[in-house]
Amino acid sequence: MSFKDSIAADLDVFLNTDEFADEHILGGKKIRLIIASDTLNGTPLPHAEGVSLWRKVIYVSCVELGYRPNEGGLLDLDDQTYEVVNVDEQAGLYVITLEANVM
């Protein structure tokens, strides 16, 4: 087995819904992904009364998603629109940081 084959097999375990991943709607497509962190969830923004900052870091297969999201663009995750803050590619996965201001 080649190293690439080994990594692909590991992705199947990592993104298995019986192990780590869950199905979500990302960009209008049902897809397996991992939400690794929900940071600043509900943190009030000092300059905007009644608005909170929500940030999520997700891991999704590059192949399954089918495209690289644009930083600064918008992406819907489970009926919530987020700004794409950062996209990094690591061993066949996109690590995407999403951010939204929610009232």
PDB file of N, CA and C in Angstrom:
ATOM      1  N   MET A   1       0.850  -1.173   0.000  1.00  0.00           N
ATOM      2  CA  MET A   1       0.000   0.000   0.000  1.00  0.00           C
ATOM      3  C   MET A   1       0.900   1.243   0.000  1.00  0.00           C
ATOM      4  N   SER A   2       0.583   2.190  -0.869  1.00  0.00           N
ATOM      5  CA  SER A   2       1.367   3.422  -0.928  1.00  0.00           C
ATOM      6  C   SER A   2       0.983   4.342   0.229  1.00  0.00           C
ATOM      7  N   PHE A   3       1.807   5.347   0.461  1.00  0.00           N
ATOM      8  CA  PHE A   3       1.529   6.311   1.519  1.00  0.00           C
ATOM      9  C   PHE A   3       0.210   7.038   1.248  1.00  0.00           C
ATOM     10  N   LYS A   4      -0.028   7.420  -0.023  1.00  0.00           N
ATOM     11  CA  LYS A   4      -1.281   8.094  -0.374  1.00  0.00           C
ATOM     12  C   LYS A   4      -2.484   7.194  -0.103  1.00  0.00           C
ATOM     13  N   ASP A   5      -2.362   5.912  -0.417  1.00  0.00           N
ATOM     14  CA  ASP A   5      -3.448   4.969  -0.138  1.00  0.00           C
ATOM     15  C   ASP A   5      -3.703   4.856   1.360  1.00  0.00           C
ATOM     16  N   SER A   6      -2.630   4.875   2.133  1.00  0.00           N
ATOM     17  CA  SER A   6      -2.743   4.790   3.584  1.00  0.00           C
ATOM     18  C   SER A   6      -3.463   6.018   4.148  1.00  0.00           C
ATOM     19  N   ILE A   7      -3.123   7.195   3.638  1.00  0.00           N
ATOM     20  CA  ILE A   7      -3.791   8.424   4.091  1.00  0.00           C
ATOM     21  C   ILE A   7      -5.269   8.398   3.707  1.00  0.00           C
ATOM     22  N   ALA A   8      -5.576   7.946   2.484  1.00  0.00           N
ATOM     23  CA  ALA A   8      -6.975   7.863   2.047  1.00  0.00           C
ATOM     24  C   ALA A   8      -7.770   6.915   2.941  1.00  0.00           C
ATOM     25  N   ALA A   9      -7.164   5.809   3.332  1.00  0.00           N
ATOM     26  CA  ALA A   9      -7.841   4.862   4.225  1.00  0.00           C
ATOM     27  C   ALA A   9      -8.072   5.492   5.598  1.00  0.00           C
ATOM     28  N   ASP A  10      -7.098   6.262   6.077  1.00  0.00           N
ATOM     29  CA  ASP A  10      -7.258   6.946   7.356  1.00  0.00           C
ATOM     30  C   ASP A  10      -8.393   7.967   7.293  1.00  0.00           C
ATOM     31  N   LEU A  11      -8.538   8.650   6.160  1.00  0.00           N
ATOM     32  CA  LEU A  11      -9.622   9.621   6.007  1.00  0.00           C
ATOM     33  C   LEU A  11     -10.977   8.948   6.106  1.00  0.00           C
ATOM     34  N   ASP A  12     -11.079   7.736   5.559  1.00  0.00           N
ATOM     35  CA  ASP A  12     -12.342   7.004   5.639  1.00  0.00           C
ATOM     36  C   ASP A  12     -12.717   6.712   7.095  1.00  0.00           C
ATOM     37  N   VAL A  13     -11.733   6.446   7.936  1.00  0.00           N
ATOM     38  CA  VAL A  13     -12.002   6.222   9.362  1.00  0.00           C
ATOM     39  C   VAL A  13     -12.320   7.544  10.044  1.00  0.00           C
ATOM     40  N   PHE A  14     -11.503   8.552   9.783  1.00  0.00           N
ATOM     41  CA  PHE A  14     -11.664   9.862  10.417  1.00  0.00           C
ATOM     42  C   PHE A  14     -13.017  10.474  10.091  1.00  0.00           C
ATOM     43  N   LEU A  15     -13.472  10.316   8.847  1.00  0.00           N
ATOM     44  CA  LEU A  15     -14.740  10.902   8.412  1.00  0.00           C
ATOM     45  C   LEU A  15     -15.903   9.911   8.448  1.00  0.00           C
ATOM     46  N   ASN A  16     -15.734   8.811   9.151  1.00  0.00           N
ATOM     47  CA  ASN A  16     -16.787   7.815   9.312  1.00  0.00           C
ATOM     48  C   ASN A  16     -17.803   8.350  10.318  1.00  0.00           C
ATOM     49  N   THR A  17     -19.071   8.323   9.949  1.00  0.00           N
ATOM     50  CA  THR A  17     -20.111   8.857  10.844  1.00  0.00           C
ATOM     51  C   THR A  17     -20.328   7.981  12.085  1.00  0.00           C
ATOM     52  N   ASP A  18     -19.796   6.766  12.082  1.00  0.00           N
ATOM     53  CA  ASP A  18     -19.862   5.921  13.281  1.00  0.00           C
ATOM     54  C   ASP A  18     -18.687   6.201  14.217  1.00  0.00           C
ATOM     55  N   GLU A  19     -17.714   6.960  13.761  1.00  0.00           N
ATOM     56  CA  GLU A  19     -16.523   7.237  14.557  1.00  0.00           C
ATOM     57  C   GLU A  19     -16.466   8.700  14.996  1.00  0.00           C
ATOM     58  N   PHE A  20     -16.068   9.591  14.084  1.00  0.00           N
ATOM     59  CA  PHE A  20     -15.827  10.990  14.454  1.00  0.00           C
ATOM     60  C   PHE A  20     -16.772  11.981  13.771  1.00  0.00           C
ATOM     61  N   ALA A  21     -17.093  11.743  12.527  1.00  0.00           N
ATOM     62  CA  ALA A  21     -17.818  12.724  11.717  1.00  0.00           C
ATOM     63  C   ALA A  21     -19.326  12.639  11.907  1.00  0.00           C
ATOM     64  N   ASP A  22     -19.982  13.703  11.486  1.00  0.00           N
ATOM     65  CA  ASP A  22     -21.435  13.756  11.415  1.00  0.00           C
ATOM     66  C   ASP A  22     -21.810  14.317  10.053  1.00  0.00           C
ATOM     67  N   GLU A  23     -23.032  14.038   9.618  1.00  0.00           N
ATOM     68  CA  GLU A  23     -23.500  14.615   8.366  1.00  0.00           C
ATOM     69  C   GLU A  23     -24.058  16.005   8.630  1.00  0.00           C
ATOM     70  N   HIS A  24     -23.670  16.934   7.772  1.00  0.00           N
ATOM     71  CA  HIS A  24     -24.129  18.319   7.852  1.00  0.00           C
ATOM     72  C   HIS A  24     -24.444  18.779   6.435  1.00  0.00           C
ATOM     73  N   ILE A  25     -25.132  19.890   6.334  1.00  0.00           N
ATOM     74  CA  ILE A  25     -25.367  20.515   5.034  1.00  0.00           C
ATOM     75  C   ILE A  25     -24.340  21.635   4.896  1.00  0.00           C
ATOM     76  N   LEU A  26     -23.426  21.482   3.959  1.00  0.00           N
ATOM     77  CA  LEU A  26     -22.370  22.455   3.712  1.00  0.00           C
ATOM     78  C   LEU A  26     -22.468  22.916   2.268  1.00  0.00           C
ATOM     79  N   GLY A  27     -22.719  24.200   2.102  1.00  0.00           N
ATOM     80  CA  GLY A  27     -22.848  24.736   0.749  1.00  0.00           C
ATOM     81  C   GLY A  27     -23.965  24.090  -0.039  1.00  0.00           C
ATOM     82  N   GLY A  28     -25.042  23.704   0.653  1.00  0.00           N
ATOM     83  CA  GLY A  28     -26.193  23.101   0.000  1.00  0.00           C
ATOM     84  C   GLY A  28     -26.059  21.612  -0.278  1.00  0.00           C
ATOM     85  N   LYS A  29     -24.974  21.003   0.204  1.00  0.00           N
ATOM     86  CA  LYS A  29     -24.701  19.589  -0.069  1.00  0.00           C
ATOM     87  C   LYS A  29     -24.581  18.830   1.251  1.00  0.00           C
ATOM     88  N   LYS A  30     -25.280  17.676   1.356  1.00  0.00           N
ATOM     89  CA  LYS A  30     -25.130  16.829   2.540  1.00  0.00           C
ATOM     90  C   LYS A  30     -23.755  16.173   2.476  1.00  0.00           C
ATOM     91  N   ILE A  31     -22.970  16.384   3.526  1.00  0.00           N
ATOM     92  CA  ILE A  31     -21.573  15.950   3.492  1.00  0.00           C
ATOM     93  C   ILE A  31     -21.112  15.558   4.895  1.00  0.00           C
ATOM     94  N   ARG A  32     -20.171  14.621   4.951  1.00  0.00           N
ATOM     95  CA  ARG A  32     -19.583  14.207   6.231  1.00  0.00           C
ATOM     96  C   ARG A  32     -18.474  15.193   6.591  1.00  0.00           C
ATOM     97  N   LEU A  33     -18.516  15.684   7.818  1.00  0.00           N
ATOM     98  CA  LEU A  33     -17.463  16.589   8.270  1.00  0.00           C
ATOM     99  C   LEU A  33     -17.382  16.549   9.780  1.00  0.00           C
ATOM    100  N   ILE A  34     -16.327  17.140  10.284  1.00  0.00           N
ATOM    101  CA  ILE A  34     -16.119  17.227  11.726  1.00  0.00           C
ATOM    102  C   ILE A  34     -16.072  18.691  12.108  1.00  0.00           C
ATOM    103  N   ILE A  35     -16.873  19.062  13.087  1.00  0.00           N
ATOM    104  CA  ILE A  35     -16.773  20.398  13.663  1.00  0.00           C
ATOM    105  C   ILE A  35     -15.854  20.249  14.870  1.00  0.00           C
ATOM    106  N   ALA A  36     -14.617  20.730  14.693  1.00  0.00           N
ATOM    107  CA  ALA A  36     -13.600  20.517  15.716  1.00  0.00           C
ATOM    108  C   ALA A  36     -13.720  21.483  16.872  1.00  0.00           C
ATOM    109  N   SER A  37     -14.168  22.690  16.594  1.00  0.00           N
ATOM    110  CA  SER A  37     -14.285  23.625  17.712  1.00  0.00           C
ATOM    111  C   SER A  37     -15.360  24.651  17.423  1.00  0.00           C
ATOM    112  N   ASP A  38     -16.062  24.974  18.452  1.00  0.00           N
ATOM    113  CA  ASP A  38     -17.011  26.077  18.441  1.00  0.00           C
ATOM    114  C   ASP A  38     -16.430  27.101  19.400  1.00  0.00           C
ATOM    115  N   THR A  39     -15.734  28.078  18.877  1.00  0.00           N
ATOM    116  CA  THR A  39     -15.088  29.047  19.745  1.00  0.00           C
ATOM    117  C   THR A  39     -15.803  30.377  19.675  1.00  0.00           C
ATOM    118  N   LEU A  40     -15.731  31.116  20.722  1.00  0.00           N
ATOM    119  CA  LEU A  40     -16.357  32.427  20.833  1.00  0.00           C
ATOM    120  C   LEU A  40     -17.862  32.348  20.637  1.00  0.00           C
ATOM    121  N   ASN A  41     -18.432  31.169  20.812  1.00  0.00           N
ATOM    122  CA  ASN A  41     -19.865  31.027  20.589  1.00  0.00           C
ATOM    123  C   ASN A  41     -20.648  31.835  21.597  1.00  0.00           C
ATOM    124  N   GLY A  42     -21.392  32.774  21.075  1.00  0.00           N
ATOM    125  CA  GLY A  42     -22.215  33.616  21.910  1.00  0.00           C
ATOM    126  C   GLY A  42     -21.466  34.762  22.557  1.00  0.00           C
ATOM    127  N   THR A  43     -20.193  34.967  22.184  1.00  0.00           N
ATOM    128  CA  THR A  43     -19.432  36.071  22.755  1.00  0.00           C
ATOM    129  C   THR A  43     -19.991  37.394  22.239  1.00  0.00           C
ATOM    130  N   PRO A  44     -20.490  38.243  23.134  1.00  0.00           N
ATOM    131  CA  PRO A  44     -21.047  39.522  22.685  1.00  0.00           C
ATOM    132  C   PRO A  44     -19.964  40.403  22.063  1.00  0.00           C
ATOM    133  N   LEU A  45     -20.313  41.066  20.993  1.00  0.00           N
ATOM    134  CA  LEU A  45     -19.410  42.020  20.373  1.00  0.00           C
ATOM    135  C   LEU A  45     -19.587  43.367  21.078  1.00  0.00           C
ATOM    136  N   PRO A  46     -18.489  43.947  21.551  1.00  0.00           N
ATOM    137  CA  PRO A  46     -18.619  45.182  22.332  1.00  0.00           C
ATOM    138  C   PRO A  46     -19.146  46.371  21.525  1.00  0.00           C
ATOM    139  N   HIS A  47     -18.978  46.351  20.222  1.00  0.00           N
ATOM    140  CA  HIS A  47     -19.380  47.483  19.381  1.00  0.00           C
ATOM    141  C   HIS A  47     -20.748  47.289  18.722  1.00  0.00           C
ATOM    142  N   ALA A  48     -21.415  46.162  19.005  1.00  0.00           N
ATOM    143  CA  ALA A  48     -22.709  45.895  18.362  1.00  0.00           C
ATOM    144  C   ALA A  48     -23.623  45.206  19.371  1.00  0.00           C
ATOM    145  N   GLU A  49     -24.418  45.990  20.064  1.00  0.00           N
ATOM    146  CA  GLU A  49     -25.289  45.442  21.097  1.00  0.00           C
ATOM    147  C   GLU A  49     -26.266  44.424  20.511  1.00  0.00           C
ATOM    148  N   GLY A  50     -26.366  43.270  21.174  1.00  0.00           N
ATOM    149  CA  GLY A  50     -27.281  42.227  20.742  1.00  0.00           C
ATOM    150  C   GLY A  50     -26.723  41.302  19.672  1.00  0.00           C
ATOM    151  N   VAL A  51     -25.460  41.505  19.278  1.00  0.00           N
ATOM    152  CA  VAL A  51     -24.837  40.669  18.250  1.00  0.00           C
ATOM    153  C   VAL A  51     -23.702  39.894  18.895  1.00  0.00           C
ATOM    154  N   SER A  52     -23.585  38.618  18.551  1.00  0.00           N
ATOM    155  CA  SER A  52     -22.540  37.757  19.097  1.00  0.00           C
ATOM    156  C   SER A  52     -21.697  37.178  17.965  1.00  0.00           C
ATOM    157  N   LEU A  53     -20.450  36.872  18.279  1.00  0.00           N
ATOM    158  CA  LEU A  53     -19.529  36.275  17.319  1.00  0.00           C
ATOM    159  C   LEU A  53     -19.521  34.763  17.494  1.00  0.00           C
ATOM    160  N   TRP A  54     -19.688  34.046  16.396  1.00  0.00           N
ATOM    161  CA  TRP A  54     -19.649  32.590  16.397  1.00  0.00           C
ATOM    162  C   TRP A  54     -18.559  32.146  15.432  1.00  0.00           C
ATOM    163  N   ARG A  55     -17.713  31.238  15.862  1.00  0.00           N
ATOM    164  CA  ARG A  55     -16.637  30.727  15.017  1.00  0.00           C
ATOM    165  C   ARG A  55     -16.627  29.206  15.094  1.00  0.00           C
ATOM    166  N   LYS A  56     -16.465  28.566  13.940  1.00  0.00           N
ATOM    167  CA  LYS A  56     -16.373  27.112  13.863  1.00  0.00           C
ATOM    168  C   LYS A  56     -15.170  26.745  13.010  1.00  0.00           C
ATOM    169  N   VAL A  57     -14.477  25.689  13.419  1.00  0.00           N
ATOM    170  CA  VAL A  57     -13.403  25.110  12.619  1.00  0.00           C
ATOM    171  C   VAL A  57     -13.892  23.734  12.196  1.00  0.00           C
ATOM    172  N   ILE A  58     -13.926  23.505  10.880  1.00  0.00           N
ATOM    173  CA  ILE A  58     -14.432  22.226  10.381  1.00  0.00           C
ATOM    174  C   ILE A  58     -13.364  21.519   9.561  1.00  0.00           C
ATOM    175  N   TYR A  59     -13.458  20.197   9.545  1.00  0.00           N
ATOM    176  CA  TYR A  59     -12.596  19.340   8.732  1.00  0.00           C
ATOM    177  C   TYR A  59     -13.494  18.616   7.745  1.00  0.00           C
ATOM    178  N   VAL A  60     -13.150  18.717   6.459  1.00  0.00           N
ATOM    179  CA  VAL A  60     -13.960  18.092   5.422  1.00  0.00           C
ATOM    180  C   VAL A  60     -13.025  17.562   4.325  1.00  0.00           C
ATOM    181  N   SER A  61     -13.398  16.447   3.726  1.00  0.00           N
ATOM    182  CA  SER A  61     -12.607  15.857   2.653  1.00  0.00           C
ATOM    183  C   SER A  61     -12.564  16.784   1.444  1.00  0.00           C
ATOM    184  N   CYS A  62     -11.361  17.023   0.926  1.00  0.00           N
ATOM    185  CA  CYS A  62     -11.206  17.838  -0.287  1.00  0.00           C
ATOM    186  C   CYS A  62     -11.982  17.223  -1.440  1.00  0.00           C
ATOM    187  N   VAL A  63     -11.911  15.909  -1.560  1.00  0.00           N
ATOM    188  CA  VAL A  63     -12.574  15.208  -2.662  1.00  0.00           C
ATOM    189  C   VAL A  63     -14.084  15.276  -2.509  1.00  0.00           C
ATOM    190  N   GLU A  64     -14.577  15.016  -1.305  1.00  0.00           N
ATOM    191  CA  GLU A  64     -16.028  15.006  -1.096  1.00  0.00           C
ATOM    192  C   GLU A  64     -16.633  16.400  -1.280  1.00  0.00           C
ATOM    193  N   LEU A  65     -15.940  17.444  -0.814  1.00  0.00           N
ATOM    194  CA  LEU A  65     -16.445  18.802  -0.996  1.00  0.00           C
ATOM    195  C   LEU A  65     -16.378  19.194  -2.464  1.00  0.00           C
ATOM    196  N   GLY A  66     -15.279  18.853  -3.129  1.00  0.00           N
ATOM    197  CA  GLY A  66     -15.173  19.056  -4.573  1.00  0.00           C
ATOM    198  C   GLY A  66     -14.635  20.407  -5.022  1.00  0.00           C
ATOM    199  N   TYR A  67     -14.382  21.317  -4.109  1.00  0.00           N
ATOM    200  CA  TYR A  67     -13.819  22.624  -4.454  1.00  0.00           C
ATOM    201  C   TYR A  67     -13.192  23.226  -3.201  1.00  0.00           C
ATOM    202  N   ARG A  68     -12.305  24.182  -3.410  1.00  0.00           N
ATOM    203  CA  ARG A  68     -11.684  24.879  -2.283  1.00  0.00           C
ATOM    204  C   ARG A  68     -12.449  26.187  -2.046  1.00  0.00           C
ATOM    205  N   PRO A  69     -13.060  26.355  -0.877  1.00  0.00           N
ATOM    206  CA  PRO A  69     -13.771  27.608  -0.593  1.00  0.00           C
ATOM    207  C   PRO A  69     -12.809  28.799  -0.609  1.00  0.00           C
ATOM    208  N   ASN A  70     -13.329  29.940  -1.019  1.00  0.00           N
ATOM    209  CA  ASN A  70     -12.517  31.153  -1.080  1.00  0.00           C
ATOM    210  C   ASN A  70     -12.524  31.867   0.259  1.00  0.00           C
ATOM    211  N   GLU A  71     -11.339  32.211   0.748  1.00  0.00           N
ATOM    212  CA  GLU A  71     -11.245  33.010   1.961  1.00  0.00           C
ATOM    213  C   GLU A  71     -11.891  34.362   1.711  1.00  0.00           C
ATOM    214  N   GLY A  72     -12.689  34.804   2.663  1.00  0.00           N
ATOM    215  CA  GLY A  72     -13.428  36.047   2.509  1.00  0.00           C
ATOM    216  C   GLY A  72     -14.798  35.852   1.879  1.00  0.00           C
ATOM    217  N   GLY A  73     -15.027  34.666   1.321  1.00  0.00           N
ATOM    218  CA  GLY A  73     -16.319  34.348   0.732  1.00  0.00           C
ATOM    219  C   GLY A  73     -17.296  33.870   1.796  1.00  0.00           C
ATOM    220  N   LEU A  74     -18.491  33.545   1.357  1.00  0.00           N
ATOM    221  CA  LEU A  74     -19.528  33.062   2.258  1.00  0.00           C
ATOM    222  C   LEU A  74     -19.775  31.583   2.030  1.00  0.00           C
ATOM    223  N   LEU A  75     -20.118  30.884   3.101  1.00  0.00           N
ATOM    224  CA  LEU A  75     -20.400  29.460   3.017  1.00  0.00           C
ATOM    225  C   LEU A  75     -21.499  29.140   4.027  1.00  0.00           C
ATOM    226  N   ASP A  76     -22.510  28.408   3.591  1.00  0.00           N
ATOM    227  CA  ASP A  76     -23.602  28.006   4.477  1.00  0.00           C
ATOM    228  C   ASP A  76     -23.279  26.669   5.122  1.00  0.00           C
ATOM    229  N   LEU A  77     -23.459  26.610   6.434  1.00  0.00           N
ATOM    230  CA  LEU A  77     -23.316  25.377   7.195  1.00  0.00           C
ATOM    231  C   LEU A  77     -24.584  25.222   8.018  1.00  0.00           C
ATOM    232  N   ASP A  78     -25.345  24.175   7.716  1.00  0.00           N
ATOM    233  CA  ASP A  78     -26.575  23.881   8.459  1.00  0.00           C
ATOM    234  C   ASP A  78     -27.479  25.108   8.584  1.00  0.00           C
ATOM    235  N   ASP A  79     -27.783  25.718   7.464  1.00  0.00           N
ATOM    236  CA  ASP A  79     -28.717  26.850   7.384  1.00  0.00           C
ATOM    237  C   ASP A  79     -28.232  28.126   8.073  1.00  0.00           C
ATOM    238  N   GLN A  80     -26.938  28.227   8.344  1.00  0.00           N
ATOM    239  CA  GLN A  80     -26.354  29.460   8.880  1.00  0.00           C
ATOM    240  C   GLN A  80     -25.249  29.898   7.924  1.00  0.00           C
ATOM    241  N   THR A  81     -25.254  31.156   7.538  1.00  0.00           N
ATOM    242  CA  THR A  81     -24.237  31.674   6.629  1.00  0.00           C
ATOM    243  C   THR A  81     -23.042  32.173   7.434  1.00  0.00           C
ATOM    244  N   TYR A  82     -21.858  31.717   7.028  1.00  0.00           N
ATOM    245  CA  TYR A  82     -20.603  32.094   7.672  1.00  0.00           C
ATOM    246  C   TYR A  82     -19.671  32.723   6.646  1.00  0.00           C
ATOM    247  N   GLU A  83     -18.774  33.561   7.129  1.00  0.00           N
ATOM    248  CA  GLU A  83     -17.666  34.039   6.302  1.00  0.00           C
ATOM    249  C   GLU A  83     -16.532  33.038   6.446  1.00  0.00           C
ATOM    250  N   VAL A  84     -15.878  32.717   5.332  1.00  0.00           N
ATOM    251  CA  VAL A  84     -14.726  31.827   5.348  1.00  0.00           C
ATOM    252  C   VAL A  84     -13.515  32.665   5.742  1.00  0.00           C
ATOM    253  N   VAL A  85     -13.000  32.430   6.937  1.00  0.00           N
ATOM    254  CA  VAL A  85     -11.879  33.199   7.458  1.00  0.00           C
ATOM    255  C   VAL A  85     -10.558  32.620   6.979  1.00  0.00           C
ATOM    256  N   ASN A  86     -10.463  31.296   6.966  1.00  0.00           N
ATOM    257  CA  ASN A  86      -9.207  30.639   6.579  1.00  0.00           C
ATOM    258  C   ASN A  86      -9.508  29.261   6.008  1.00  0.00           C
ATOM    259  N   VAL A  87      -8.720  28.863   5.010  1.00  0.00           N
ATOM    260  CA  VAL A  87      -8.807  27.515   4.444  1.00  0.00           C
ATOM    261  C   VAL A  87      -7.389  26.974   4.350  1.00  0.00           C
ATOM    262  N   ASP A  88      -7.162  25.813   4.931  1.00  0.00           N
ATOM    263  CA  ASP A  88      -5.862  25.160   4.877  1.00  0.00           C
ATOM    264  C   ASP A  88      -6.094  23.733   4.414  1.00  0.00           C
ATOM    265  N   GLU A  89      -5.188  23.220   3.605  1.00  0.00           N
ATOM    266  CA  GLU A  89      -5.297  21.840   3.144  1.00  0.00           C
ATOM    267  C   GLU A  89      -4.259  20.998   3.860  1.00  0.00           C
ATOM    268  N   GLN A  90      -4.723  19.910   4.503  1.00  0.00           N
ATOM    269  CA  GLN A  90      -3.847  19.028   5.263  1.00  0.00           C
ATOM    270  C   GLN A  90      -4.188  17.576   4.968  1.00  0.00           C
ATOM    271  N   ALA A  91      -3.327  16.908   4.240  1.00  0.00           N
ATOM    272  CA  ALA A  91      -3.448  15.464   3.991  1.00  0.00           C
ATOM    273  C   ALA A  91      -4.827  15.058   3.476  1.00  0.00           C
ATOM    274  N   GLY A  92      -5.336  15.775   2.485  1.00  0.00           N
ATOM    275  CA  GLY A  92      -6.610  15.417   1.888  1.00  0.00           C
ATOM    276  C   GLY A  92      -7.826  16.021   2.557  1.00  0.00           C
ATOM    277  N   LEU A  93      -7.597  16.825   3.571  1.00  0.00           N
ATOM    278  CA  LEU A  93      -8.689  17.497   4.268  1.00  0.00           C
ATOM    279  C   LEU A  93      -8.542  19.005   4.138  1.00  0.00           C
ATOM    280  N   TYR A  94      -9.672  19.677   4.008  1.00  0.00           N
ATOM    281  CA  TYR A  94      -9.687  21.124   4.175  1.00  0.00           C
ATOM    282  C   TYR A  94      -9.992  21.403   5.637  1.00  0.00           C
ATOM    283  N   VAL A  95      -9.201  22.268   6.234  1.00  0.00           N
ATOM    284  CA  VAL A  95      -9.463  22.777   7.571  1.00  0.00           C
ATOM    285  C   VAL A  95      -9.972  24.196   7.350  1.00  0.00           C
ATOM    286  N   ILE A  96     -11.258  24.392   7.607  1.00  0.00           N
ATOM    287  CA  ILE A  96     -11.914  25.653   7.261  1.00  0.00           C
ATOM    288  C   ILE A  96     -12.373  26.344   8.536  1.00  0.00           C
ATOM    289  N   THR A  97     -11.953  27.595   8.690  1.00  0.00           N
ATOM    290  CA  THR A  97     -12.405  28.402   9.816  1.00  0.00           C
ATOM    291  C   THR A  97     -13.521  29.307   9.318  1.00  0.00           C
ATOM    292  N   LEU A  98     -14.680  29.187   9.971  1.00  0.00           N
ATOM    293  CA  LEU A  98     -15.864  29.955   9.607  1.00  0.00           C
ATOM    294  C   LEU A  98     -16.215  30.897  10.754  1.00  0.00           C
ATOM    295  N   GLU A  99     -16.780  32.062  10.397  1.00  0.00           N
ATOM    296  CA  GLU A  99     -17.131  33.040  11.413  1.00  0.00           C
ATOM    297  C   GLU A  99     -18.430  33.722  11.021  1.00  0.00           C
ATOM    298  N   ALA A 100     -19.282  33.978  12.020  1.00  0.00           N
ATOM    299  CA  ALA A 100     -20.551  34.668  11.761  1.00  0.00           C
ATOM    300  C   ALA A 100     -20.891  35.556  12.938  1.00  0.00           C
ATOM    301  N   ASN A 101     -21.514  36.671  12.632  1.00  0.00           N
ATOM    302  CA  ASN A 101     -22.099  37.543  13.641  1.00  0.00           C
ATOM    303  C   ASN A 101     -23.585  37.237  13.677  1.00  0.00           C
ATOM    304  N   VAL A 102     -24.079  36.821  14.819  1.00  0.00           N
ATOM    305  CA  VAL A 102     -25.454  36.361  14.930  1.00  0.00           C
ATOM    306  C   VAL A 102     -26.190  37.194  15.970  1.00  0.00           C
ATOM    307  N   MET A 103     -27.433  37.572  15.625  1.00  0.00           N
ATOM    308  CA  MET A 103     -28.265  38.324  16.574  1.00  0.00           C
ATOM    309  C   MET A 103     -29.127  37.357  17.345  1.00  0.00           C
TER     310      MET A 103
END
